[in-house]
């Protein structure tokens, strides 16, 4: 057994199976587990997926939202225990793999057309 097969076998135990199919351009709500003192709560983070990277256990999505006039981007490791759940709110119709051009746009120029051929 080679090294890659051993690593893949170990990683497969930690892969989540309940993740929805996410595409770049989708609006998603990510539930992030936050510890405050001794308590733990789930805080939702809603925004547009502007990038997806890697695969397997290292798969990440970059989610962008505008909060109080400031653009905020967060990178989420999909299979991390910090990510409680992911819900697709709206499917977006885009023609690029990375939507970094949205960083230079403001207001209505950041809108993405809705895609109806994929189910939510």
PDB file of N, CA and C in Angstrom:
ATOM      1  N   UNK A   1       0.849  -1.189   0.000  1.00  0.00           N
ATOM      2  CA  UNK A   1       0.000   0.000   0.000  1.00  0.00           C
ATOM      3  C   UNK A   1       0.892   1.250   0.000  1.00  0.00           C
ATOM      4  N   UNK A   2       0.631   2.136  -0.960  1.00  0.00           N
ATOM      5  CA  UNK A   2       1.476   3.333  -1.030  1.00  0.00           C
ATOM      6  C   UNK A   2       0.995   4.403  -0.053  1.00  0.00           C
ATOM      7  N   UNK A   3       1.782   5.467   0.083  1.00  0.00           N
ATOM      8  CA  UNK A   3       1.535   6.500   1.085  1.00  0.00           C
ATOM      9  C   UNK A   3       0.223   7.241   0.817  1.00  0.00           C
ATOM     10  N   UNK A   4      -0.046   7.560  -0.460  1.00  0.00           N
ATOM     11  CA  UNK A   4      -1.279   8.279  -0.787  1.00  0.00           C
ATOM     12  C   UNK A   4      -2.515   7.478  -0.401  1.00  0.00           C
ATOM     13  N   UNK A   5      -2.477   6.195  -0.598  1.00  0.00           N
ATOM     14  CA  UNK A   5      -3.618   5.345  -0.255  1.00  0.00           C
ATOM     15  C   UNK A   5      -3.846   5.314   1.257  1.00  0.00           C
ATOM     16  N   UNK A   6      -2.758   5.286   2.010  1.00  0.00           N
ATOM     17  CA  UNK A   6      -2.871   5.281   3.475  1.00  0.00           C
ATOM     18  C   UNK A   6      -3.456   6.604   3.962  1.00  0.00           C
ATOM     19  N   UNK A   7      -2.962   7.720   3.419  1.00  0.00           N
ATOM     20  CA  UNK A   7      -3.465   9.038   3.812  1.00  0.00           C
ATOM     21  C   UNK A   7      -4.934   9.171   3.449  1.00  0.00           C
ATOM     22  N   UNK A   8      -5.297   8.731   2.252  1.00  0.00           N
ATOM     23  CA  UNK A   8      -6.694   8.819   1.805  1.00  0.00           C
ATOM     24  C   UNK A   8      -7.605   7.977   2.694  1.00  0.00           C
ATOM     25  N   UNK A   9      -7.122   6.828   3.122  1.00  0.00           N
ATOM     26  CA  UNK A   9      -7.898   5.944   3.986  1.00  0.00           C
ATOM     27  C   UNK A   9      -8.143   6.589   5.353  1.00  0.00           C
ATOM     28  N   UNK A  10      -7.124   7.237   5.898  1.00  0.00           N
ATOM     29  CA  UNK A  10      -7.268   7.908   7.193  1.00  0.00           C
ATOM     30  C   UNK A  10      -8.200   9.106   7.065  1.00  0.00           C
ATOM     31  N   UNK A  11      -8.042   9.894   5.982  1.00  0.00           N
ATOM     32  CA  UNK A  11      -8.874  11.086   5.791  1.00  0.00           C
ATOM     33  C   UNK A  11     -10.344  10.736   5.583  1.00  0.00           C
ATOM     34  N   UNK A  12     -10.621   9.594   4.985  1.00  0.00           N
ATOM     35  CA  UNK A  12     -12.006   9.234   4.659  1.00  0.00           C
ATOM     36  C   UNK A  12     -12.877   9.096   5.906  1.00  0.00           C
ATOM     37  N   UNK A  13     -12.264   8.815   7.059  1.00  0.00           N
ATOM     38  CA  UNK A  13     -13.040   8.715   8.300  1.00  0.00           C
ATOM     39  C   UNK A  13     -13.623  10.061   8.711  1.00  0.00           C
ATOM     40  N   UNK A  14     -12.939  11.161   8.346  1.00  0.00           N
ATOM     41  CA  UNK A  14     -13.325  12.490   8.806  1.00  0.00           C
ATOM     42  C   UNK A  14     -14.128  13.279   7.781  1.00  0.00           C
ATOM     43  N   UNK A  15     -14.358  12.723   6.604  1.00  0.00           N
ATOM     44  CA  UNK A  15     -15.133  13.421   5.584  1.00  0.00           C
ATOM     45  C   UNK A  15     -16.604  13.454   5.968  1.00  0.00           C
ATOM     46  N   UNK A  16     -17.227  14.617   5.780  1.00  0.00           N
ATOM     47  CA  UNK A  16     -18.663  14.739   6.050  1.00  0.00           C
ATOM     48  C   UNK A  16     -19.426  14.217   4.835  1.00  0.00           C
ATOM     49  N   UNK A  17     -20.561  13.588   5.097  1.00  0.00           N
ATOM     50  CA  UNK A  17     -21.365  13.043   4.003  1.00  0.00           C
ATOM     51  C   UNK A  17     -22.649  13.830   3.780  1.00  0.00           C
ATOM     52  N   UNK A  18     -22.987  14.738   4.720  1.00  0.00           N
ATOM     53  CA  UNK A  18     -24.266  15.447   4.641  1.00  0.00           C
ATOM     54  C   UNK A  18     -24.149  16.833   3.999  1.00  0.00           C
ATOM     55  N   UNK A  19     -23.055  17.094   3.277  1.00  0.00           N
ATOM     56  CA  UNK A  19     -22.880  18.406   2.656  1.00  0.00           C
ATOM     57  C   UNK A  19     -23.699  18.522   1.374  1.00  0.00           C
ATOM     58  N   UNK A  20     -24.330  19.678   1.134  1.00  0.00           N
ATOM     59  CA  UNK A  20     -25.046  19.872  -0.132  1.00  0.00           C
ATOM     60  C   UNK A  20     -24.052  20.134  -1.262  1.00  0.00           C
ATOM     61  N   UNK A  21     -24.512  20.029  -2.504  1.00  0.00           N
ATOM     62  CA  UNK A  21     -23.645  20.373  -3.626  1.00  0.00           C
ATOM     63  C   UNK A  21     -23.582  21.890  -3.728  1.00  0.00           C
ATOM     64  N   UNK A  22     -22.396  22.417  -3.630  1.00  0.00           N
ATOM     65  CA  UNK A  22     -22.184  23.860  -3.629  1.00  0.00           C
ATOM     66  C   UNK A  22     -21.428  24.226  -4.898  1.00  0.00           C
ATOM     67  N   UNK A  23     -21.851  25.321  -5.531  1.00  0.00           N
ATOM     68  CA  UNK A  23     -21.176  25.822  -6.717  1.00  0.00           C
ATOM     69  C   UNK A  23     -20.785  27.274  -6.475  1.00  0.00           C
ATOM     70  N   UNK A  24     -19.816  27.749  -7.228  1.00  0.00           N
ATOM     71  CA  UNK A  24     -19.435  29.156  -7.147  1.00  0.00           C
ATOM     72  C   UNK A  24     -20.607  29.994  -7.645  1.00  0.00           C
ATOM     73  N   UNK A  25     -20.922  31.065  -6.925  1.00  0.00           N
ATOM     74  CA  UNK A  25     -22.049  31.924  -7.275  1.00  0.00           C
ATOM     75  C   UNK A  25     -23.272  31.685  -6.404  1.00  0.00           C
ATOM     76  N   UNK A  26     -23.288  30.580  -5.673  1.00  0.00           N
ATOM     77  CA  UNK A  26     -24.418  30.279  -4.795  1.00  0.00           C
ATOM     78  C   UNK A  26     -24.389  31.174  -3.558  1.00  0.00           C
ATOM     79  N   UNK A  27     -25.565  31.493  -3.053  1.00  0.00           N
ATOM     80  CA  UNK A  27     -25.668  32.170  -1.765  1.00  0.00           C
ATOM     81  C   UNK A  27     -25.902  31.092  -0.721  1.00  0.00           C
ATOM     82  N   UNK A  28     -25.030  31.030   0.273  1.00  0.00           N
ATOM     83  CA  UNK A  28     -25.105  29.971   1.274  1.00  0.00           C
ATOM     84  C   UNK A  28     -25.171  30.562   2.675  1.00  0.00           C
ATOM     85  N   UNK A  29     -25.726  29.772   3.590  1.00  0.00           N
ATOM     86  CA  UNK A  29     -25.715  30.119   4.998  1.00  0.00           C
ATOM     87  C   UNK A  29     -24.913  29.041   5.712  1.00  0.00           C
ATOM     88  N   UNK A  30     -23.770  29.436   6.256  1.00  0.00           N
ATOM     89  CA  UNK A  30     -22.872  28.506   6.944  1.00  0.00           C
ATOM     90  C   UNK A  30     -23.060  28.681   8.438  1.00  0.00           C
ATOM     91  N   UNK A  31     -23.369  27.606   9.133  1.00  0.00           N
ATOM     92  CA  UNK A  31     -23.482  27.647  10.588  1.00  0.00           C
ATOM     93  C   UNK A  31     -22.117  27.376  11.194  1.00  0.00           C
ATOM     94  N   UNK A  32     -21.561  28.361  11.890  1.00  0.00           N
ATOM     95  CA  UNK A  32     -20.222  28.255  12.465  1.00  0.00           C
ATOM     96  C   UNK A  32     -20.348  28.070  13.972  1.00  0.00           C
ATOM     97  N   UNK A  33     -19.683  27.052  14.497  1.00  0.00           N
ATOM     98  CA  UNK A  33     -19.701  26.820  15.942  1.00  0.00           C
ATOM     99  C   UNK A  33     -18.746  27.793  16.613  1.00  0.00           C
ATOM    100  N   UNK A  34     -19.263  28.507  17.628  1.00  0.00           N
ATOM    101  CA  UNK A  34     -18.465  29.492  18.351  1.00  0.00           C
ATOM    102  C   UNK A  34     -18.537  29.174  19.831  1.00  0.00           C
ATOM    103  N   UNK A  35     -17.377  29.165  20.486  1.00  0.00           N
ATOM    104  CA  UNK A  35     -17.317  28.944  21.929  1.00  0.00           C
ATOM    105  C   UNK A  35     -17.198  30.283  22.626  1.00  0.00           C
ATOM    106  N   UNK A  36     -18.109  30.530  23.573  1.00  0.00           N
ATOM    107  CA  UNK A  36     -18.043  31.730  24.397  1.00  0.00           C
ATOM    108  C   UNK A  36     -18.090  31.276  25.845  1.00  0.00           C
ATOM    109  N   UNK A  37     -16.964  31.390  26.503  1.00  0.00           N
ATOM    110  CA  UNK A  37     -16.885  30.881  27.871  1.00  0.00           C
ATOM    111  C   UNK A  37     -16.993  29.369  27.852  1.00  0.00           C
ATOM    112  N   UNK A  38     -17.948  28.841  28.589  1.00  0.00           N
ATOM    113  CA  UNK A  38     -18.156  27.399  28.601  1.00  0.00           C
ATOM    114  C   UNK A  38     -19.240  26.953  27.639  1.00  0.00           C
ATOM    115  N   UNK A  39     -19.920  27.926  27.022  1.00  0.00           N
ATOM    116  CA  UNK A  39     -21.040  27.594  26.141  1.00  0.00           C
ATOM    117  C   UNK A  39     -20.601  27.554  24.688  1.00  0.00           C
ATOM    118  N   UNK A  40     -21.367  26.819  23.904  1.00  0.00           N
ATOM    119  CA  UNK A  40     -21.123  26.748  22.474  1.00  0.00           C
ATOM    120  C   UNK A  40     -22.424  27.067  21.751  1.00  0.00           C
ATOM    121  N   UNK A  41     -22.308  27.926  20.717  1.00  0.00           N
ATOM    122  CA  UNK A  41     -23.498  28.259  19.930  1.00  0.00           C
ATOM    123  C   UNK A  41     -23.136  28.238  18.458  1.00  0.00           C
ATOM    124  N   UNK A  42     -24.190  28.210  17.617  1.00  0.00           N
ATOM    125  CA  UNK A  42     -23.987  28.201  16.175  1.00  0.00           C
ATOM    126  C   UNK A  42     -24.380  29.567  15.629  1.00  0.00           C
ATOM    127  N   UNK A  43     -23.424  30.233  14.992  1.00  0.00           N
ATOM    128  CA  UNK A  43     -23.678  31.551  14.420  1.00  0.00           C
ATOM    129  C   UNK A  43     -23.745  31.433  12.906  1.00  0.00           C
ATOM    130  N   UNK A  44     -24.830  31.892  12.288  1.00  0.00           N
ATOM    131  CA  UNK A  44     -24.929  31.807  10.830  1.00  0.00           C
ATOM    132  C   UNK A  44     -24.092  32.889  10.141  1.00  0.00           C
ATOM    133  N   UNK A  45     -23.498  32.527   9.024  1.00  0.00           N
ATOM    134  CA  UNK A  45     -22.730  33.464   8.199  1.00  0.00           C
ATOM    135  C   UNK A  45     -23.259  33.288   6.782  1.00  0.00           C
ATOM    136  N   UNK A  46     -23.936  34.300   6.268  1.00  0.00           N
ATOM    137  CA  UNK A  46     -24.580  34.186   4.953  1.00  0.00           C
ATOM    138  C   UNK A  46     -23.879  35.079   3.947  1.00  0.00           C
ATOM    139  N   UNK A  47     -23.580  34.507   2.781  1.00  0.00           N
ATOM    140  CA  UNK A  47     -22.928  35.279   1.735  1.00  0.00           C
ATOM    141  C   UNK A  47     -22.822  34.484   0.450  1.00  0.00           C
ATOM    142  N   UNK A  48     -22.117  35.043  -0.516  1.00  0.00           N
ATOM    143  CA  UNK A  48     -21.955  34.439  -1.833  1.00  0.00           C
ATOM    144  C   UNK A  48     -20.638  33.676  -1.897  1.00  0.00           C
ATOM    145  N   UNK A  49     -20.678  32.480  -2.456  1.00  0.00           N
ATOM    146  CA  UNK A  49     -19.467  31.682  -2.639  1.00  0.00           C
ATOM    147  C   UNK A  49     -18.709  32.269  -3.827  1.00  0.00           C
ATOM    148  N   UNK A  50     -17.499  32.797  -3.571  1.00  0.00           N
ATOM    149  CA  UNK A  50     -16.733  33.389  -4.668  1.00  0.00           C
ATOM    150  C   UNK A  50     -15.585  32.496  -5.116  1.00  0.00           C
ATOM    151  N   UNK A  51     -15.256  31.460  -4.341  1.00  0.00           N
ATOM    152  CA  UNK A  51     -14.164  30.564  -4.729  1.00  0.00           C
ATOM    153  C   UNK A  51     -14.308  29.229  -4.026  1.00  0.00           C
ATOM    154  N   UNK A  52     -13.840  28.176  -4.704  1.00  0.00           N
ATOM    155  CA  UNK A  52     -13.751  26.841  -4.123  1.00  0.00           C
ATOM    156  C   UNK A  52     -12.348  26.330  -4.412  1.00  0.00           C
ATOM    157  N   UNK A  53     -11.746  25.641  -3.427  1.00  0.00           N
ATOM    158  CA  UNK A  53     -10.389  25.149  -3.598  1.00  0.00           C
ATOM    159  C   UNK A  53     -10.266  23.703  -3.156  1.00  0.00           C
ATOM    160  N   UNK A  54      -9.306  23.028  -3.776  1.00  0.00           N
ATOM    161  CA  UNK A  54      -8.870  21.687  -3.391  1.00  0.00           C
ATOM    162  C   UNK A  54     -10.004  20.665  -3.448  1.00  0.00           C
ATOM    163  N   UNK A  55      -9.818  19.559  -2.765  1.00  0.00           N
ATOM    164  CA  UNK A  55     -10.802  18.495  -2.738  1.00  0.00           C
ATOM    165  C   UNK A  55     -10.525  17.616  -1.551  1.00  0.00           C
ATOM    166  N   UNK A  56     -11.410  16.688  -1.304  1.00  0.00           N
ATOM    167  CA  UNK A  56     -11.220  15.779  -0.175  1.00  0.00           C
ATOM    168  C   UNK A  56     -11.323  16.504   1.148  1.00  0.00           C
ATOM    169  N   UNK A  57     -10.457  16.181   2.064  1.00  0.00           N
ATOM    170  CA  UNK A  57     -10.510  16.742   3.413  1.00  0.00           C
ATOM    171  C   UNK A  57     -10.114  18.215   3.430  1.00  0.00           C
ATOM    172  N   UNK A  58      -9.360  18.671   2.435  1.00  0.00           N
ATOM    173  CA  UNK A  58      -8.875  20.053   2.393  1.00  0.00           C
ATOM    174  C   UNK A  58      -9.796  20.984   1.614  1.00  0.00           C
ATOM    175  N   UNK A  59     -10.984  20.555   1.272  1.00  0.00           N
ATOM    176  CA  UNK A  59     -11.872  21.373   0.441  1.00  0.00           C
ATOM    177  C   UNK A  59     -12.335  22.621   1.201  1.00  0.00           C
ATOM    178  N   UNK A  60     -12.169  23.778   0.565  1.00  0.00           N
ATOM    179  CA  UNK A  60     -12.564  25.038   1.193  1.00  0.00           C
ATOM    180  C   UNK A  60     -13.456  25.844   0.259  1.00  0.00           C
ATOM    181  N   UNK A  61     -14.294  26.695   0.869  1.00  0.00           N
ATOM    182  CA  UNK A  61     -15.058  27.667   0.104  1.00  0.00           C
ATOM    183  C   UNK A  61     -14.779  29.042   0.706  1.00  0.00           C
ATOM    184  N   UNK A  62     -14.739  30.046  -0.159  1.00  0.00           N
ATOM    185  CA  UNK A  62     -14.588  31.424   0.286  1.00  0.00           C
ATOM    186  C   UNK A  62     -15.942  32.094   0.133  1.00  0.00           C
ATOM    187  N   UNK A  63     -16.478  32.606   1.233  1.00  0.00           N
ATOM    188  CA  UNK A  63     -17.803  33.217   1.248  1.00  0.00           C
ATOM    189  C   UNK A  63     -17.647  34.714   1.512  1.00  0.00           C
ATOM    190  N   UNK A  64     -18.288  35.526   0.675  1.00  0.00           N
ATOM    191  CA  UNK A  64     -18.184  36.980   0.792  1.00  0.00           C
ATOM    192  C   UNK A  64     -19.548  37.575   1.087  1.00  0.00           C
ATOM    193  N   UNK A  65     -19.563  38.524   2.033  1.00  0.00           N
ATOM    194  CA  UNK A  65     -20.775  39.293   2.300  1.00  0.00           C
ATOM    195  C   UNK A  65     -20.375  40.725   2.583  1.00  0.00           C
ATOM    196  N   UNK A  66     -21.314  41.644   2.423  1.00  0.00           N
ATOM    197  CA  UNK A  66     -21.064  43.039   2.739  1.00  0.00           C
ATOM    198  C   UNK A  66     -21.784  43.336   4.040  1.00  0.00           C
ATOM    199  N   UNK A  67     -21.019  43.761   5.061  1.00  0.00           N
ATOM    200  CA  UNK A  67     -21.580  44.036   6.375  1.00  0.00           C
ATOM    201  C   UNK A  67     -21.256  45.476   6.741  1.00  0.00           C
ATOM    202  N   UNK A  68     -22.287  46.271   6.919  1.00  0.00           N
ATOM    203  CA  UNK A  68     -22.170  47.693   7.247  1.00  0.00           C
ATOM    204  C   UNK A  68     -21.252  48.419   6.269  1.00  0.00           C
ATOM    205  N   UNK A  69     -21.433  48.112   4.979  1.00  0.00           N
ATOM    206  CA  UNK A  69     -20.683  48.792   3.931  1.00  0.00           C
ATOM    207  C   UNK A  69     -19.271  48.289   3.724  1.00  0.00           C
ATOM    208  N   UNK A  70     -18.862  47.263   4.467  1.00  0.00           N
ATOM    209  CA  UNK A  70     -17.517  46.713   4.337  1.00  0.00           C
ATOM    210  C   UNK A  70     -17.620  45.275   3.860  1.00  0.00           C
ATOM    211  N   UNK A  71     -16.857  44.927   2.835  1.00  0.00           N
ATOM    212  CA  UNK A  71     -16.847  43.556   2.341  1.00  0.00           C
ATOM    213  C   UNK A  71     -16.070  42.653   3.283  1.00  0.00           C
ATOM    214  N   UNK A  72     -16.686  41.533   3.666  1.00  0.00           N
ATOM    215  CA  UNK A  72     -16.054  40.583   4.587  1.00  0.00           C
ATOM    216  C   UNK A  72     -16.012  39.227   3.897  1.00  0.00           C
ATOM    217  N   UNK A  73     -14.820  38.639   3.854  1.00  0.00           N
ATOM    218  CA  UNK A  73     -14.674  37.308   3.261  1.00  0.00           C
ATOM    219  C   UNK A  73     -14.149  36.343   4.319  1.00  0.00           C
ATOM    220  N   UNK A  74     -14.716  35.152   4.319  1.00  0.00           N
ATOM    221  CA  UNK A  74     -14.235  34.106   5.222  1.00  0.00           C
ATOM    222  C   UNK A  74     -14.020  32.840   4.429  1.00  0.00           C
ATOM    223  N   UNK A  75     -12.984  32.133   4.783  1.00  0.00           N
ATOM    224  CA  UNK A  75     -12.682  30.849   4.147  1.00  0.00           C
ATOM    225  C   UNK A  75     -13.087  29.753   5.121  1.00  0.00           C
ATOM    226  N   UNK A  76     -13.925  28.841   4.654  1.00  0.00           N
ATOM    227  CA  UNK A  76     -14.409  27.746   5.501  1.00  0.00           C
ATOM    228  C   UNK A  76     -13.863  26.418   4.997  1.00  0.00           C
ATOM    229  N   UNK A  77     -13.301  25.653   5.912  1.00  0.00           N
ATOM    230  CA  UNK A  77     -12.891  24.286   5.620  1.00  0.00           C
ATOM    231  C   UNK A  77     -14.152  23.429   5.753  1.00  0.00           C
ATOM    232  N   UNK A  78     -14.636  22.897   4.650  1.00  0.00           N
ATOM    233  CA  UNK A  78     -15.953  22.250   4.634  1.00  0.00           C
ATOM    234  C   UNK A  78     -16.065  21.079   5.614  1.00  0.00           C
ATOM    235  N   UNK A  79     -15.008  20.305   5.755  1.00  0.00           N
ATOM    236  CA  UNK A  79     -15.085  19.105   6.588  1.00  0.00           C
ATOM    237  C   UNK A  79     -14.619  19.356   8.022  1.00  0.00           C
ATOM    238  N   UNK A  80     -14.483  20.635   8.390  1.00  0.00           N
ATOM    239  CA  UNK A  80     -14.052  20.990   9.735  1.00  0.00           C
ATOM    240  C   UNK A  80     -15.184  20.787  10.734  1.00  0.00           C
ATOM    241  N   UNK A  81     -14.863  20.410  11.969  1.00  0.00           N
ATOM    242  CA  UNK A  81     -15.917  20.299  12.983  1.00  0.00           C
ATOM    243  C   UNK A  81     -16.497  21.652  13.387  1.00  0.00           C
ATOM    244  N   UNK A  82     -15.808  22.751  13.069  1.00  0.00           N
ATOM    245  CA  UNK A  82     -16.331  24.093  13.349  1.00  0.00           C
ATOM    246  C   UNK A  82     -17.528  24.433  12.495  1.00  0.00           C
ATOM    247  N   UNK A  83     -17.604  23.860  11.299  1.00  0.00           N
ATOM    248  CA  UNK A  83     -18.728  24.105  10.397  1.00  0.00           C
ATOM    249  C   UNK A  83     -19.843  23.146  10.791  1.00  0.00           C
ATOM    250  N   UNK A  84     -20.908  23.708  11.393  1.00  0.00           N
ATOM    251  CA  UNK A  84     -22.012  22.874  11.871  1.00  0.00           C
ATOM    252  C   UNK A  84     -22.875  22.405  10.714  1.00  0.00           C
ATOM    253  N   UNK A  85     -23.281  23.346   9.848  1.00  0.00           N
ATOM    254  CA  UNK A  85     -24.126  22.986   8.711  1.00  0.00           C
ATOM    255  C   UNK A  85     -23.978  24.044   7.625  1.00  0.00           C
ATOM    256  N   UNK A  86     -24.336  23.635   6.404  1.00  0.00           N
ATOM    257  CA  UNK A  86     -24.326  24.546   5.262  1.00  0.00           C
ATOM    258  C   UNK A  86     -25.654  24.394   4.544  1.00  0.00           C
ATOM    259  N   UNK A  87     -26.311  25.522   4.287  1.00  0.00           N
ATOM    260  CA  UNK A  87     -27.591  25.502   3.573  1.00  0.00           C
ATOM    261  C   UNK A  87     -27.471  26.414   2.370  1.00  0.00           C
ATOM    262  N   UNK A  88     -27.858  25.904   1.205  1.00  0.00           N
ATOM    263  CA  UNK A  88     -27.847  26.716  -0.016  1.00  0.00           C
ATOM    264  C   UNK A  88     -29.152  27.498  -0.057  1.00  0.00           C
ATOM    265  N   UNK A  89     -29.048  28.823  -0.048  1.00  0.00           N
ATOM    266  CA  UNK A  89     -30.219  29.690  -0.056  1.00  0.00           C
ATOM    267  C   UNK A  89     -30.675  29.953  -1.487  1.00  0.00           C
ATOM    268  N   UNK A  90     -29.716  30.181  -2.380  1.00  0.00           N
ATOM    269  CA  UNK A  90     -30.035  30.601  -3.748  1.00  0.00           C
ATOM    270  C   UNK A  90     -28.925  30.119  -4.672  1.00  0.00           C
ATOM    271  N   UNK A  91     -29.308  29.602  -5.834  1.00  0.00           N
ATOM    272  CA  UNK A  91     -28.326  29.155  -6.823  1.00  0.00           C
ATOM    273  C   UNK A  91     -27.977  30.318  -7.742  1.00  0.00           C
ATOM    274  N   UNK A  92     -26.700  30.494  -8.032  1.00  0.00           N
ATOM    275  CA  UNK A  92     -26.271  31.583  -8.891  1.00  0.00           C
ATOM    276  C   UNK A  92     -25.798  31.087 -10.237  1.00  0.00           C
ATOM    277  N   UNK A  93     -26.050  31.897 -11.265  1.00  0.00           N
ATOM    278  CA  UNK A  93     -25.633  31.555 -12.620  1.00  0.00           C
ATOM    279  C   UNK A  93     -24.428  32.417 -12.971  1.00  0.00           C
ATOM    280  N   UNK A  94     -23.249  31.795 -12.979  1.00  0.00           N
ATOM    281  CA  UNK A  94     -22.017  32.507 -13.283  1.00  0.00           C
ATOM    282  C   UNK A  94     -21.228  31.732 -14.325  1.00  0.00           C
ATOM    283  N   UNK A  95     -20.259  32.425 -14.937  1.00  0.00           N
ATOM    284  CA  UNK A  95     -19.475  31.802 -15.999  1.00  0.00           C
ATOM    285  C   UNK A  95     -18.000  31.720 -15.644  1.00  0.00           C
ATOM    286  N   UNK A  96     -17.678  31.908 -14.389  1.00  0.00           N
ATOM    287  CA  UNK A  96     -16.294  31.874 -13.955  1.00  0.00           C
ATOM    288  C   UNK A  96     -16.141  30.915 -12.774  1.00  0.00           C
ATOM    289  N   UNK A  97     -14.935  30.428 -12.587  1.00  0.00           N
ATOM    290  CA  UNK A  97     -14.650  29.541 -11.454  1.00  0.00           C
ATOM    291  C   UNK A  97     -14.342  30.338 -10.195  1.00  0.00           C
ATOM    292  N   UNK A  98     -13.821  31.552 -10.357  1.00  0.00           N
ATOM    293  CA  UNK A  98     -13.513  32.432  -9.230  1.00  0.00           C
ATOM    294  C   UNK A  98     -14.163  33.785  -9.487  1.00  0.00           C
ATOM    295  N   UNK A  99     -14.853  34.310  -8.492  1.00  0.00           N
ATOM    296  CA  UNK A  99     -15.584  35.569  -8.653  1.00  0.00           C
ATOM    297  C   UNK A  99     -14.883  36.716  -7.923  1.00  0.00           C
ATOM    298  N   UNK A 100     -13.572  36.789  -8.063  1.00  0.00           N
ATOM    299  CA  UNK A 100     -12.809  37.830  -7.368  1.00  0.00           C
ATOM    300  C   UNK A 100     -13.160  39.220  -7.870  1.00  0.00           C
ATOM    301  N   UNK A 101     -13.727  39.324  -9.071  1.00  0.00           N
ATOM    302  CA  UNK A 101     -14.096  40.637  -9.602  1.00  0.00           C
ATOM    303  C   UNK A 101     -15.191  41.301  -8.773  1.00  0.00           C
ATOM    304  N   UNK A 102     -15.915  40.541  -7.955  1.00  0.00           N
ATOM    305  CA  UNK A 102     -16.957  41.129  -7.107  1.00  0.00           C
ATOM    306  C   UNK A 102     -16.358  42.049  -6.035  1.00  0.00           C
ATOM    307  N   UNK A 103     -15.071  41.878  -5.728  1.00  0.00           N
ATOM    308  CA  UNK A 103     -14.426  42.725  -4.726  1.00  0.00           C
ATOM    309  C   UNK A 103     -14.388  44.187  -5.164  1.00  0.00           C
ATOM    310  N   UNK A 104     -14.346  44.416  -6.468  1.00  0.00           N
ATOM    311  CA  UNK A 104     -14.249  45.780  -6.993  1.00  0.00           C
ATOM    312  C   UNK A 104     -15.608  46.397  -7.277  1.00  0.00           C
ATOM    313  N   UNK A 105     -16.670  45.689  -6.982  1.00  0.00           N
ATOM    314  CA  UNK A 105     -18.008  46.183  -7.293  1.00  0.00           C
ATOM    315  C   UNK A 105     -18.778  46.530  -6.031  1.00  0.00           C
ATOM    316  N   UNK A 106     -19.712  47.473  -6.186  1.00  0.00           N
ATOM    317  CA  UNK A 106     -20.468  47.976  -5.043  1.00  0.00           C
ATOM    318  C   UNK A 106     -21.954  47.971  -5.398  1.00  0.00           C
ATOM    319  N   UNK A 107     -22.795  47.689  -4.408  1.00  0.00           N
ATOM    320  CA  UNK A 107     -24.245  47.830  -4.566  1.00  0.00           C
ATOM    321  C   UNK A 107     -24.847  46.843  -5.541  1.00  0.00           C
ATOM    322  N   UNK A 108     -25.674  47.370  -6.461  1.00  0.00           N
ATOM    323  CA  UNK A 108     -26.403  46.497  -7.378  1.00  0.00           C
ATOM    324  C   UNK A 108     -25.508  45.810  -8.401  1.00  0.00           C
ATOM    325  N   UNK A 109     -24.299  46.310  -8.581  1.00  0.00           N
ATOM    326  CA  UNK A 109     -23.367  45.698  -9.527  1.00  0.00           C
ATOM    327  C   UNK A 109     -22.882  44.334  -9.040  1.00  0.00           C
ATOM    328  N   UNK A 110     -23.089  44.027  -7.762  1.00  0.00           N
ATOM    329  CA  UNK A 110     -22.643  42.741  -7.225  1.00  0.00           C
ATOM    330  C   UNK A 110     -23.686  41.645  -7.373  1.00  0.00           C
ATOM    331  N   UNK A 111     -24.837  41.984  -7.949  1.00  0.00           N
ATOM    332  CA  UNK A 111     -25.895  40.973  -8.079  1.00  0.00           C
ATOM    333  C   UNK A 111     -25.485  39.863  -9.037  1.00  0.00           C
ATOM    334  N   UNK A 112     -25.948  38.656  -8.735  1.00  0.00           N
ATOM    335  CA  UNK A 112     -25.708  37.489  -9.578  1.00  0.00           C
ATOM    336  C   UNK A 112     -27.062  36.932  -9.982  1.00  0.00           C
ATOM    337  N   UNK A 113     -27.222  36.633 -11.270  1.00  0.00           N
ATOM    338  CA  UNK A 113     -28.483  36.077 -11.740  1.00  0.00           C
ATOM    339  C   UNK A 113     -28.768  34.731 -11.094  1.00  0.00           C
ATOM    340  N   UNK A 114     -30.053  34.451 -10.897  1.00  0.00           N
ATOM    341  CA  UNK A 114     -30.436  33.188 -10.260  1.00  0.00           C
ATOM    342  C   UNK A 114     -30.468  32.083 -11.290  1.00  0.00           C
ATOM    343  N   UNK A 115     -30.085  30.907 -10.856  1.00  0.00           N
ATOM    344  CA  UNK A 115     -30.082  29.740 -11.726  1.00  0.00           C
ATOM    345  C   UNK A 115     -31.218  28.823 -11.303  1.00  0.00           C
ATOM    346  N   UNK A 116     -32.050  28.434 -12.259  1.00  0.00           N
ATOM    347  CA  UNK A 116     -33.230  27.657 -11.929  1.00  0.00           C
ATOM    348  C   UNK A 116     -33.121  26.192 -12.318  1.00  0.00           C
ATOM    349  N   UNK A 117     -32.100  25.818 -13.087  1.00  0.00           N
ATOM    350  CA  UNK A 117     -32.017  24.424 -13.526  1.00  0.00           C
ATOM    351  C   UNK A 117     -31.439  23.504 -12.446  1.00  0.00           C
ATOM    352  N   UNK A 118     -30.818  24.093 -11.407  1.00  0.00           N
ATOM    353  CA  UNK A 118     -30.351  23.280 -10.266  1.00  0.00           C
ATOM    354  C   UNK A 118     -31.305  23.453  -9.117  1.00  0.00           C
ATOM    355  N   UNK A 119     -31.575  22.377  -8.414  1.00  0.00           N
ATOM    356  CA  UNK A 119     -32.492  22.443  -7.267  1.00  0.00           C
ATOM    357  C   UNK A 119     -31.739  22.939  -6.038  1.00  0.00           C
ATOM    358  N   UNK A 120     -32.454  23.635  -5.174  1.00  0.00           N
ATOM    359  CA  UNK A 120     -31.839  24.129  -3.932  1.00  0.00           C
ATOM    360  C   UNK A 120     -31.801  23.037  -2.895  1.00  0.00           C
TER     361      UNK A 120
END
